[in-house]
Amino acid sequence: MLSLAGCASDRVVAVDGTANRRVVVAVGSEIGVTLGTVGPGEYTSPPNVSSAVVRFLDVTPVGPSVPAGVRQRFRLKAVTAGRAIIVFHHSAEGPVVTDTIDVR
């Protein structure tokens, strides 16, 4: 589990890797989650978001392309104080990734 603190509301908090994480950010922060895959499939969009504390913005592919699998960057916005659970599901047999976002 990784814990990052976002101090300013205009800060972008980047979260890389495929491990489940806990992230602490300020209201107004943008959260960028980068996930990579090996083999077929990708993480489906939008991810499941448990509450209105965090709003999904978009997902884009991250280059450069590699033969092993795709990398994707999901962008979310912390809109109000509270906690949200974000669940990223893979379209094939990849792992489910669950992140906890605490907004303060």
PDB file of N, CA and C in Angstrom:
ATOM      1  N   MET A   1       0.839  -1.169   0.000  1.00  0.00           N
ATOM      2  CA  MET A   1       0.000   0.000   0.000  1.00  0.00           C
ATOM      3  C   MET A   1       0.886   1.235   0.000  1.00  0.00           C
ATOM      4  N   LEU A   2       0.530   2.223  -0.818  1.00  0.00           N
ATOM      5  CA  LEU A   2       1.303   3.445  -0.964  1.00  0.00           C
ATOM      6  C   LEU A   2       0.463   4.599  -0.467  1.00  0.00           C
ATOM      7  N   SER A   3       1.055   5.486   0.294  1.00  0.00           N
ATOM      8  CA  SER A   3       0.334   6.655   0.774  1.00  0.00           C
ATOM      9  C   SER A   3       1.043   7.908   0.292  1.00  0.00           C
ATOM     10  N   LEU A   4       0.320   8.757  -0.437  1.00  0.00           N
ATOM     11  CA  LEU A   4       0.853  10.013  -0.942  1.00  0.00           C
ATOM     12  C   LEU A   4      -0.002  11.144  -0.401  1.00  0.00           C
ATOM     13  N   ALA A   5       0.611  12.232  -0.056  1.00  0.00           N
ATOM     14  CA  ALA A   5      -0.154  13.375   0.432  1.00  0.00           C
ATOM     15  C   ALA A   5      -0.095  14.496  -0.589  1.00  0.00           C
ATOM     16  N   GLY A   6      -1.242  14.991  -0.997  1.00  0.00           N
ATOM     17  CA  GLY A   6      -1.315  16.133  -1.893  1.00  0.00           C
ATOM     18  C   GLY A   6      -1.653  17.375  -1.078  1.00  0.00           C
ATOM     19  N   CYS A   7      -0.771  18.357  -1.075  1.00  0.00           N
ATOM     20  CA  CYS A   7      -0.937  19.532  -0.213  1.00  0.00           C
ATOM     21  C   CYS A   7      -1.791  20.618  -0.851  1.00  0.00           C
ATOM     22  N   ALA A   8      -1.577  20.878  -2.127  1.00  0.00           N
ATOM     23  CA  ALA A   8      -2.268  21.981  -2.764  1.00  0.00           C
ATOM     24  C   ALA A   8      -3.415  21.469  -3.627  1.00  0.00           C
ATOM     25  N   SER A   9      -4.465  22.263  -3.743  1.00  0.00           N
ATOM     26  CA  SER A   9      -5.641  21.801  -4.474  1.00  0.00           C
ATOM     27  C   SER A   9      -5.407  21.725  -5.976  1.00  0.00           C
ATOM     28  N   ASP A  10      -4.370  22.392  -6.502  1.00  0.00           N
ATOM     29  CA  ASP A  10      -4.120  22.334  -7.939  1.00  0.00           C
ATOM     30  C   ASP A  10      -3.056  21.301  -8.291  1.00  0.00           C
ATOM     31  N   ARG A  11      -2.686  20.487  -7.355  1.00  0.00           N
ATOM     32  CA  ARG A  11      -1.636  19.501  -7.553  1.00  0.00           C
ATOM     33  C   ARG A  11      -2.184  18.251  -8.250  1.00  0.00           C
ATOM     34  N   VAL A  12      -1.336  17.661  -9.099  1.00  0.00           N
ATOM     35  CA  VAL A  12      -1.657  16.375  -9.700  1.00  0.00           C
ATOM     36  C   VAL A  12      -0.901  15.308  -8.929  1.00  0.00           C
ATOM     37  N   VAL A  13      -1.625  14.346  -8.390  1.00  0.00           N
ATOM     38  CA  VAL A  13      -1.021  13.248  -7.643  1.00  0.00           C
ATOM     39  C   VAL A  13      -0.962  12.049  -8.575  1.00  0.00           C
ATOM     40  N   ALA A  14       0.259  11.579  -8.867  1.00  0.00           N
ATOM     41  CA  ALA A  14       0.444  10.459  -9.781  1.00  0.00           C
ATOM     42  C   ALA A  14       0.623   9.172  -8.996  1.00  0.00           C
ATOM     43  N   VAL A  15      -0.078   8.128  -9.412  1.00  0.00           N
ATOM     44  CA  VAL A  15      -0.013   6.821  -8.776  1.00  0.00           C
ATOM     45  C   VAL A  15       0.302   5.805  -9.866  1.00  0.00           C
ATOM     46  N   ASP A  16       1.471   5.169  -9.789  1.00  0.00           N
ATOM     47  CA  ASP A  16       1.874   4.195 -10.794  1.00  0.00           C
ATOM     48  C   ASP A  16       1.917   2.797 -10.203  1.00  0.00           C
ATOM     49  N   GLY A  17       1.844   1.807 -11.079  1.00  0.00           N
ATOM     50  CA  GLY A  17       1.964   0.421 -10.649  1.00  0.00           C
ATOM     51  C   GLY A  17       0.634  -0.291 -10.639  1.00  0.00           C
ATOM     52  N   THR A  18       0.651  -1.537 -10.217  1.00  0.00           N
ATOM     53  CA  THR A  18      -0.585  -2.316 -10.211  1.00  0.00           C
ATOM     54  C   THR A  18      -0.946  -2.812  -8.820  1.00  0.00           C
ATOM     55  N   ALA A  19      -0.224  -2.367  -7.789  1.00  0.00           N
ATOM     56  CA  ALA A  19      -0.557  -2.774  -6.414  1.00  0.00           C
ATOM     57  C   ALA A  19      -1.714  -1.930  -5.901  1.00  0.00           C
ATOM     58  N   ASN A  20      -2.477  -2.473  -4.976  1.00  0.00           N
ATOM     59  CA  ASN A  20      -3.558  -1.720  -4.357  1.00  0.00           C
ATOM     60  C   ASN A  20      -2.939  -0.634  -3.484  1.00  0.00           C
ATOM     61  N   ARG A  21      -3.514   0.563  -3.531  1.00  0.00           N
ATOM     62  CA  ARG A  21      -2.918   1.714  -2.856  1.00  0.00           C
ATOM     63  C   ARG A  21      -3.937   2.484  -2.035  1.00  0.00           C
ATOM     64  N   ARG A  22      -3.425   3.262  -1.088  1.00  0.00           N
ATOM     65  CA  ARG A  22      -4.218   4.254  -0.357  1.00  0.00           C
ATOM     66  C   ARG A  22      -3.534   5.591  -0.619  1.00  0.00           C
ATOM     67  N   VAL A  23      -4.308   6.572  -1.071  1.00  0.00           N
ATOM     68  CA  VAL A  23      -3.779   7.872  -1.433  1.00  0.00           C
ATOM     69  C   VAL A  23      -4.554   8.945  -0.675  1.00  0.00           C
ATOM     70  N   VAL A  24      -3.847   9.908  -0.111  1.00  0.00           N
ATOM     71  CA  VAL A  24      -4.459  11.045   0.578  1.00  0.00           C
ATOM     72  C   VAL A  24      -4.196  12.285  -0.263  1.00  0.00           C
ATOM     73  N   VAL A  25      -5.266  13.003  -0.629  1.00  0.00           N
ATOM     74  CA  VAL A  25      -5.146  14.194  -1.471  1.00  0.00           C
ATOM     75  C   VAL A  25      -6.022  15.311  -0.923  1.00  0.00           C
ATOM     76  N   ALA A  26      -5.765  16.517  -1.396  1.00  0.00           N
ATOM     77  CA  ALA A  26      -6.567  17.681  -1.025  1.00  0.00           C
ATOM     78  C   ALA A  26      -7.758  17.813  -1.978  1.00  0.00           C
ATOM     79  N   VAL A  27      -8.831  18.412  -1.502  1.00  0.00           N
ATOM     80  CA  VAL A  27      -9.979  18.719  -2.356  1.00  0.00           C
ATOM     81  C   VAL A  27      -9.469  19.546  -3.532  1.00  0.00           C
ATOM     82  N   GLY A  28      -9.901  19.205  -4.730  1.00  0.00           N
ATOM     83  CA  GLY A  28      -9.491  19.914  -5.937  1.00  0.00           C
ATOM     84  C   GLY A  28      -8.321  19.277  -6.652  1.00  0.00           C
ATOM     85  N   SER A  29      -7.642  18.337  -6.021  1.00  0.00           N
ATOM     86  CA  SER A  29      -6.497  17.682  -6.652  1.00  0.00           C
ATOM     87  C   SER A  29      -6.947  16.764  -7.770  1.00  0.00           C
ATOM     88  N   GLU A  30      -6.084  16.634  -8.763  1.00  0.00           N
ATOM     89  CA  GLU A  30      -6.288  15.643  -9.807  1.00  0.00           C
ATOM     90  C   GLU A  30      -5.450  14.428  -9.458  1.00  0.00           C
ATOM     91  N   ILE A  31      -6.017  13.250  -9.647  1.00  0.00           N
ATOM     92  CA  ILE A  31      -5.318  12.000  -9.358  1.00  0.00           C
ATOM     93  C   ILE A  31      -5.115  11.280 -10.679  1.00  0.00           C
ATOM     94  N   GLY A  32      -3.866  10.958 -10.986  1.00  0.00           N
ATOM     95  CA  GLY A  32      -3.539  10.212 -12.196  1.00  0.00           C
ATOM     96  C   GLY A  32      -3.086   8.817 -11.816  1.00  0.00           C
ATOM     97  N   VAL A  33      -3.825   7.803 -12.243  1.00  0.00           N
ATOM     98  CA  VAL A  33      -3.500   6.411 -11.938  1.00  0.00           C
ATOM     99  C   VAL A  33      -3.065   5.731 -13.231  1.00  0.00           C
ATOM    100  N   THR A  34      -1.820   5.256 -13.271  1.00  0.00           N
ATOM    101  CA  THR A  34      -1.302   4.570 -14.446  1.00  0.00           C
ATOM    102  C   THR A  34      -1.238   3.080 -14.171  1.00  0.00           C
ATOM    103  N   LEU A  35      -1.888   2.299 -15.043  1.00  0.00           N
ATOM    104  CA  LEU A  35      -1.922   0.846 -14.908  1.00  0.00           C
ATOM    105  C   LEU A  35      -1.381   0.216 -16.183  1.00  0.00           C
ATOM    106  N   GLY A  36      -0.590  -0.830 -16.015  1.00  0.00           N
ATOM    107  CA  GLY A  36      -0.059  -1.561 -17.157  1.00  0.00           C
ATOM    108  C   GLY A  36      -0.567  -2.984 -17.156  1.00  0.00           C
ATOM    109  N   THR A  37      -0.602  -3.585 -18.346  1.00  0.00           N
ATOM    110  CA  THR A  37      -1.035  -4.967 -18.476  1.00  0.00           C
ATOM    111  C   THR A  37       0.044  -5.777 -19.181  1.00  0.00           C
ATOM    112  N   VAL A  38      -0.018  -7.064 -18.999  1.00  0.00           N
ATOM    113  CA  VAL A  38       0.824  -7.997 -19.731  1.00  0.00           C
ATOM    114  C   VAL A  38      -0.118  -8.976 -20.401  1.00  0.00           C
ATOM    115  N   GLY A  39      -0.048  -9.053 -21.724  1.00  0.00           N
ATOM    116  CA  GLY A  39      -0.949  -9.932 -22.455  1.00  0.00           C
ATOM    117  C   GLY A  39      -2.167  -9.191 -22.962  1.00  0.00           C
ATOM    118  N   PRO A  40      -3.174  -9.941 -23.391  1.00  0.00           N
ATOM    119  CA  PRO A  40      -4.350  -9.314 -23.982  1.00  0.00           C
ATOM    120  C   PRO A  40      -5.214  -8.593 -22.947  1.00  0.00           C
ATOM    121  N   GLY A  41      -6.003  -7.662 -23.455  1.00  0.00           N
ATOM    122  CA  GLY A  41      -6.960  -6.962 -22.602  1.00  0.00           C
ATOM    123  C   GLY A  41      -6.434  -5.643 -22.093  1.00  0.00           C
ATOM    124  N   GLU A  42      -7.312  -4.936 -21.399  1.00  0.00           N
ATOM    125  CA  GLU A  42      -6.990  -3.644 -20.806  1.00  0.00           C
ATOM    126  C   GLU A  42      -7.913  -3.419 -19.619  1.00  0.00           C
ATOM    127  N   TYR A  43      -7.653  -2.363 -18.857  1.00  0.00           N
ATOM    128  CA  TYR A  43      -8.543  -2.008 -17.757  1.00  0.00           C
ATOM    129  C   TYR A  43      -9.729  -1.253 -18.337  1.00  0.00           C
ATOM    130  N   THR A  44     -10.942  -1.639 -17.937  1.00  0.00           N
ATOM    131  CA  THR A  44     -12.146  -1.063 -18.514  1.00  0.00           C
ATOM    132  C   THR A  44     -12.421   0.324 -17.946  1.00  0.00           C
ATOM    133  N   SER A  45     -13.071   1.125 -18.773  1.00  0.00           N
ATOM    134  CA  SER A  45     -13.370   2.500 -18.407  1.00  0.00           C
ATOM    135  C   SER A  45     -14.875   2.708 -18.516  1.00  0.00           C
ATOM    136  N   PRO A  46     -15.465   3.423 -17.587  1.00  0.00           N
ATOM    137  CA  PRO A  46     -14.857   4.010 -16.395  1.00  0.00           C
ATOM    138  C   PRO A  46     -14.671   2.966 -15.298  1.00  0.00           C
ATOM    139  N   PRO A  47     -13.768   3.257 -14.352  1.00  0.00           N
ATOM    140  CA  PRO A  47     -13.639   2.361 -13.203  1.00  0.00           C
ATOM    141  C   PRO A  47     -14.861   2.516 -12.292  1.00  0.00           C
ATOM    142  N   ASN A  48     -15.056   1.570 -11.390  1.00  0.00           N
ATOM    143  CA  ASN A  48     -16.129   1.697 -10.395  1.00  0.00           C
ATOM    144  C   ASN A  48     -15.665   2.665  -9.311  1.00  0.00           C
ATOM    145  N   VAL A  49     -16.457   3.685  -9.050  1.00  0.00           N
ATOM    146  CA  VAL A  49     -16.151   4.691  -8.035  1.00  0.00           C
ATOM    147  C   VAL A  49     -17.259   4.618  -6.991  1.00  0.00           C
ATOM    148  N   SER A  50     -16.887   4.415  -5.719  1.00  0.00           N
ATOM    149  CA  SER A  50     -17.873   4.138  -4.669  1.00  0.00           C
ATOM    150  C   SER A  50     -18.687   5.345  -4.218  1.00  0.00           C
ATOM    151  N   SER A  51     -18.184   6.558  -4.443  1.00  0.00           N
ATOM    152  CA  SER A  51     -18.921   7.728  -3.967  1.00  0.00           C
ATOM    153  C   SER A  51     -18.601   8.947  -4.819  1.00  0.00           C
ATOM    154  N   ALA A  52     -19.344  10.030  -4.585  1.00  0.00           N
ATOM    155  CA  ALA A  52     -19.153  11.274  -5.337  1.00  0.00           C
ATOM    156  C   ALA A  52     -17.968  12.095  -4.834  1.00  0.00           C
ATOM    157  N   VAL A  53     -17.209  11.565  -3.899  1.00  0.00           N
ATOM    158  CA  VAL A  53     -16.015  12.256  -3.380  1.00  0.00           C
ATOM    159  C   VAL A  53     -14.994  12.448  -4.496  1.00  0.00           C
ATOM    160  N   VAL A  54     -14.913  11.458  -5.397  1.00  0.00           N
ATOM    161  CA  VAL A  54     -13.980  11.494  -6.520  1.00  0.00           C
ATOM    162  C   VAL A  54     -14.778  11.332  -7.801  1.00  0.00           C
ATOM    163  N   ARG A  55     -14.437  12.136  -8.809  1.00  0.00           N
ATOM    164  CA  ARG A  55     -15.125  12.083 -10.100  1.00  0.00           C
ATOM    165  C   ARG A  55     -14.153  11.597 -11.171  1.00  0.00           C
ATOM    166  N   PHE A  56     -14.567  10.619 -11.971  1.00  0.00           N
ATOM    167  CA  PHE A  56     -13.776  10.122 -13.090  1.00  0.00           C
ATOM    168  C   PHE A  56     -13.764  11.174 -14.200  1.00  0.00           C
ATOM    169  N   LEU A  57     -12.564  11.479 -14.735  1.00  0.00           N
ATOM    170  CA  LEU A  57     -12.440  12.445 -15.831  1.00  0.00           C
ATOM    171  C   LEU A  57     -12.281  11.750 -17.180  1.00  0.00           C
ATOM    172  N   ASP A  58     -11.212  10.933 -17.318  1.00  0.00           N
ATOM    173  CA  ASP A  58     -10.984  10.235 -18.582  1.00  0.00           C
ATOM    174  C   ASP A  58      -9.882   9.202 -18.434  1.00  0.00           C
ATOM    175  N   VAL A  59      -9.652   8.460 -19.508  1.00  0.00           N
ATOM    176  CA  VAL A  59      -8.558   7.498 -19.580  1.00  0.00           C
ATOM    177  C   VAL A  59      -7.890   7.654 -20.940  1.00  0.00           C
ATOM    178  N   THR A  60      -6.560   7.585 -20.964  1.00  0.00           N
ATOM    179  CA  THR A  60      -5.811   7.677 -22.208  1.00  0.00           C
ATOM    180  C   THR A  60      -4.709   6.630 -22.213  1.00  0.00           C
ATOM    181  N   PRO A  61      -4.323   6.162 -23.407  1.00  0.00           N
ATOM    182  CA  PRO A  61      -3.185   5.247 -23.480  1.00  0.00           C
ATOM    183  C   PRO A  61      -1.892   6.005 -23.178  1.00  0.00           C
ATOM    184  N   VAL A  62      -0.941   5.307 -22.578  1.00  0.00           N
ATOM    185  CA  VAL A  62       0.350   5.904 -22.254  1.00  0.00           C
ATOM    186  C   VAL A  62       1.398   5.238 -23.131  1.00  0.00           C
ATOM    187  N   GLY A  63       2.151   6.035 -23.846  1.00  0.00           N
ATOM    188  CA  GLY A  63       3.187   5.487 -24.727  1.00  0.00           C
ATOM    189  C   GLY A  63       4.529   5.455 -24.043  1.00  0.00           C
ATOM    190  N   PRO A  64       5.507   4.918 -24.662  1.00  0.00           N
ATOM    191  CA  PRO A  64       5.414   4.285 -25.971  1.00  0.00           C
ATOM    192  C   PRO A  64       4.778   2.908 -25.863  1.00  0.00           C
ATOM    193  N   SER A  65       4.230   2.455 -26.988  1.00  0.00           N
ATOM    194  CA  SER A  65       3.612   1.128 -27.024  1.00  0.00           C
ATOM    195  C   SER A  65       4.676   0.049 -26.850  1.00  0.00           C
ATOM    196  N   VAL A  66       4.312  -1.003 -26.136  1.00  0.00           N
ATOM    197  CA  VAL A  66       5.211  -2.139 -25.944  1.00  0.00           C
ATOM    198  C   VAL A  66       4.466  -3.416 -26.301  1.00  0.00           C
ATOM    199  N   PRO A  67       5.166  -4.433 -26.794  1.00  0.00           N
ATOM    200  CA  PRO A  67       4.500  -5.673 -27.180  1.00  0.00           C
ATOM    201  C   PRO A  67       3.861  -6.427 -26.001  1.00  0.00           C
ATOM    202  N   ALA A  68       4.342  -6.214 -24.795  1.00  0.00           N
ATOM    203  CA  ALA A  68       3.845  -6.959 -23.630  1.00  0.00           C
ATOM    204  C   ALA A  68       2.394  -6.638 -23.306  1.00  0.00           C
ATOM    205  N   GLY A  69       1.964  -5.412 -23.522  1.00  0.00           N
ATOM    206  CA  GLY A  69       0.606  -5.015 -23.185  1.00  0.00           C
ATOM    207  C   GLY A  69       0.473  -3.511 -23.120  1.00  0.00           C
ATOM    208  N   VAL A  70      -0.746  -3.044 -22.924  1.00  0.00           N
ATOM    209  CA  VAL A  70      -1.010  -1.600 -22.921  1.00  0.00           C
ATOM    210  C   VAL A  70      -0.786  -0.998 -21.534  1.00  0.00           C
ATOM    211  N   ARG A  71      -0.480   0.292 -21.536  1.00  0.00           N
ATOM    212  CA  ARG A  71      -0.451   1.094 -20.307  1.00  0.00           C
ATOM    213  C   ARG A  71      -1.501   2.173 -20.466  1.00  0.00           C
ATOM    214  N   GLN A  72      -2.258   2.415 -19.379  1.00  0.00           N
ATOM    215  CA  GLN A  72      -3.341   3.394 -19.419  1.00  0.00           C
ATOM    216  C   GLN A  72      -3.214   4.351 -18.247  1.00  0.00           C
ATOM    217  N   ARG A  73      -3.582   5.605 -18.494  1.00  0.00           N
ATOM    218  CA  ARG A  73      -3.600   6.610 -17.419  1.00  0.00           C
ATOM    219  C   ARG A  73      -5.037   7.054 -17.201  1.00  0.00           C
ATOM    220  N   PHE A  74      -5.541   6.767 -16.005  1.00  0.00           N
ATOM    221  CA  PHE A  74      -6.879   7.185 -15.601  1.00  0.00           C
ATOM    222  C   PHE A  74      -6.747   8.489 -14.830  1.00  0.00           C
ATOM    223  N   ARG A  75      -7.590   9.482 -15.165  1.00  0.00           N
ATOM    224  CA  ARG A  75      -7.581  10.752 -14.440  1.00  0.00           C
ATOM    225  C   ARG A  75      -8.874  10.888 -13.653  1.00  0.00           C
ATOM    226  N   LEU A  76      -8.722  11.270 -12.385  1.00  0.00           N
ATOM    227  CA  LEU A  76      -9.858  11.486 -11.496  1.00  0.00           C
ATOM    228  C   LEU A  76      -9.676  12.824 -10.799  1.00  0.00           C
ATOM    229  N   LYS A  77     -10.758  13.383 -10.283  1.00  0.00           N
ATOM    230  CA  LYS A  77     -10.719  14.671  -9.584  1.00  0.00           C
ATOM    231  C   LYS A  77     -11.324  14.511  -8.200  1.00  0.00           C
ATOM    232  N   ALA A  78     -10.598  14.998  -7.181  1.00  0.00           N
ATOM    233  CA  ALA A  78     -11.103  14.994  -5.805  1.00  0.00           C
ATOM    234  C   ALA A  78     -12.009  16.204  -5.643  1.00  0.00           C
ATOM    235  N   VAL A  79     -13.324  15.972  -5.473  1.00  0.00           N
ATOM    236  CA  VAL A  79     -14.272  17.088  -5.492  1.00  0.00           C
ATOM    237  C   VAL A  79     -14.786  17.513  -4.124  1.00  0.00           C
ATOM    238  N   THR A  80     -14.725  16.639  -3.133  1.00  0.00           N
ATOM    239  CA  THR A  80     -15.190  16.993  -1.797  1.00  0.00           C
ATOM    240  C   THR A  80     -14.503  16.083  -0.776  1.00  0.00           C
ATOM    241  N   ALA A  81     -14.506  16.490   0.465  1.00  0.00           N
ATOM    242  CA  ALA A  81     -13.855  15.696   1.514  1.00  0.00           C
ATOM    243  C   ALA A  81     -14.598  14.388   1.737  1.00  0.00           C
ATOM    244  N   GLY A  82     -13.840  13.336   2.005  1.00  0.00           N
ATOM    245  CA  GLY A  82     -14.409  12.025   2.271  1.00  0.00           C
ATOM    246  C   GLY A  82     -13.507  10.930   1.737  1.00  0.00           C
ATOM    247  N   ARG A  83     -14.087   9.759   1.545  1.00  0.00           N
ATOM    248  CA  ARG A  83     -13.338   8.588   1.069  1.00  0.00           C
ATOM    249  C   ARG A  83     -14.064   7.953  -0.110  1.00  0.00           C
ATOM    250  N   ALA A  84     -13.284   7.546  -1.107  1.00  0.00           N
ATOM    251  CA  ALA A  84     -13.828   6.813  -2.248  1.00  0.00           C
ATOM    252  C   ALA A  84     -12.955   5.596  -2.512  1.00  0.00           C
ATOM    253  N   ILE A  85     -13.600   4.513  -2.875  1.00  0.00           N
ATOM    254  CA  ILE A  85     -12.911   3.295  -3.285  1.00  0.00           C
ATOM    255  C   ILE A  85     -13.042   3.224  -4.806  1.00  0.00           C
ATOM    256  N   ILE A  86     -11.905   3.118  -5.488  1.00  0.00           N
ATOM    257  CA  ILE A  86     -11.883   3.034  -6.939  1.00  0.00           C
ATOM    258  C   ILE A  86     -11.473   1.613  -7.311  1.00  0.00           C
ATOM    259  N   VAL A  87     -12.281   0.932  -8.122  1.00  0.00           N
ATOM    260  CA  VAL A  87     -11.986  -0.440  -8.517  1.00  0.00           C
ATOM    261  C   VAL A  87     -11.807  -0.475 -10.036  1.00  0.00           C
ATOM    262  N   PHE A  88     -10.631  -0.940 -10.456  1.00  0.00           N
ATOM    263  CA  PHE A  88     -10.294  -1.069 -11.869  1.00  0.00           C
ATOM    264  C   PHE A  88     -10.394  -2.545 -12.244  1.00  0.00           C
ATOM    265  N   HIS A  89     -11.292  -2.869 -13.194  1.00  0.00           N
ATOM    266  CA  HIS A  89     -11.480  -4.248 -13.649  1.00  0.00           C
ATOM    267  C   HIS A  89     -10.773  -4.444 -14.981  1.00  0.00           C
ATOM    268  N   HIS A  90     -10.128  -5.583 -15.128  1.00  0.00           N
ATOM    269  CA  HIS A  90      -9.439  -5.919 -16.371  1.00  0.00           C
ATOM    270  C   HIS A  90     -10.408  -6.651 -17.295  1.00  0.00           C
ATOM    271  N   SER A  91     -10.296  -6.409 -18.595  1.00  0.00           N
ATOM    272  CA  SER A  91     -11.213  -7.016 -19.557  1.00  0.00           C
ATOM    273  C   SER A  91     -10.888  -8.481 -19.854  1.00  0.00           C
ATOM    274  N   ALA A  92      -9.699  -8.925 -19.501  1.00  0.00           N
ATOM    275  CA  ALA A  92      -9.331 -10.329 -19.724  1.00  0.00           C
ATOM    276  C   ALA A  92      -9.071 -10.981 -18.367  1.00  0.00           C
ATOM    277  N   GLU A  93      -7.877 -11.485 -18.160  1.00  0.00           N
ATOM    278  CA  GLU A  93      -7.568 -12.192 -16.917  1.00  0.00           C
ATOM    279  C   GLU A  93      -6.615 -11.423 -16.010  1.00  0.00           C
ATOM    280  N   GLY A  94      -6.448 -10.137 -16.250  1.00  0.00           N
ATOM    281  CA  GLY A  94      -5.568  -9.327 -15.415  1.00  0.00           C
ATOM    282  C   GLY A  94      -6.143  -9.129 -14.025  1.00  0.00           C
ATOM    283  N   PRO A  95      -5.315  -8.665 -13.112  1.00  0.00           N
ATOM    284  CA  PRO A  95      -5.782  -8.490 -11.730  1.00  0.00           C
ATOM    285  C   PRO A  95      -6.739  -7.312 -11.582  1.00  0.00           C
ATOM    286  N   VAL A  96      -7.626  -7.422 -10.611  1.00  0.00           N
ATOM    287  CA  VAL A  96      -8.470  -6.297 -10.223  1.00  0.00           C
ATOM    288  C   VAL A  96      -7.616  -5.412  -9.309  1.00  0.00           C
ATOM    289  N   VAL A  97      -7.635  -4.113  -9.542  1.00  0.00           N
ATOM    290  CA  VAL A  97      -6.883  -3.155  -8.731  1.00  0.00           C
ATOM    291  C   VAL A  97      -7.879  -2.290  -7.978  1.00  0.00           C
ATOM    292  N   THR A  98      -7.688  -2.199  -6.659  1.00  0.00           N
ATOM    293  CA  THR A  98      -8.566  -1.397  -5.804  1.00  0.00           C
ATOM    294  C   THR A  98      -7.736  -0.339  -5.106  1.00  0.00           C
ATOM    295  N   ASP A  99      -8.095   0.924  -5.303  1.00  0.00           N
ATOM    296  CA  ASP A  99      -7.410   2.035  -4.650  1.00  0.00           C
ATOM    297  C   ASP A  99      -8.379   2.757  -3.731  1.00  0.00           C
ATOM    298  N   THR A 100      -7.879   3.200  -2.591  1.00  0.00           N
ATOM    299  CA  THR A 100      -8.652   3.991  -1.636  1.00  0.00           C
ATOM    300  C   THR A 100      -8.145   5.427  -1.721  1.00  0.00           C
ATOM    301  N   ILE A 101      -9.057   6.368  -1.969  1.00  0.00           N
ATOM    302  CA  ILE A 101      -8.702   7.786  -2.055  1.00  0.00           C
ATOM    303  C   ILE A 101      -9.345   8.502  -0.869  1.00  0.00           C
ATOM    304  N   ASP A 102      -8.508   9.039   0.014  1.00  0.00           N
ATOM    305  CA  ASP A 102      -8.978   9.866   1.138  1.00  0.00           C
ATOM    306  C   ASP A 102      -8.777  11.319   0.745  1.00  0.00           C
ATOM    307  N   VAL A 103      -9.863  12.075   0.697  1.00  0.00           N
ATOM    308  CA  VAL A 103      -9.813  13.487   0.300  1.00  0.00           C
ATOM    309  C   VAL A 103     -10.013  14.330   1.537  1.00  0.00           C
ATOM    310  N   ARG A 104      -9.085  15.238   1.771  1.00  0.00           N
ATOM    311  CA  ARG A 104      -9.142  16.116   2.958  1.00  0.00           C
ATOM    312  C   ARG A 104      -9.098  17.558   2.585  1.00  0.00           C
TER     313      ARG A 104
END
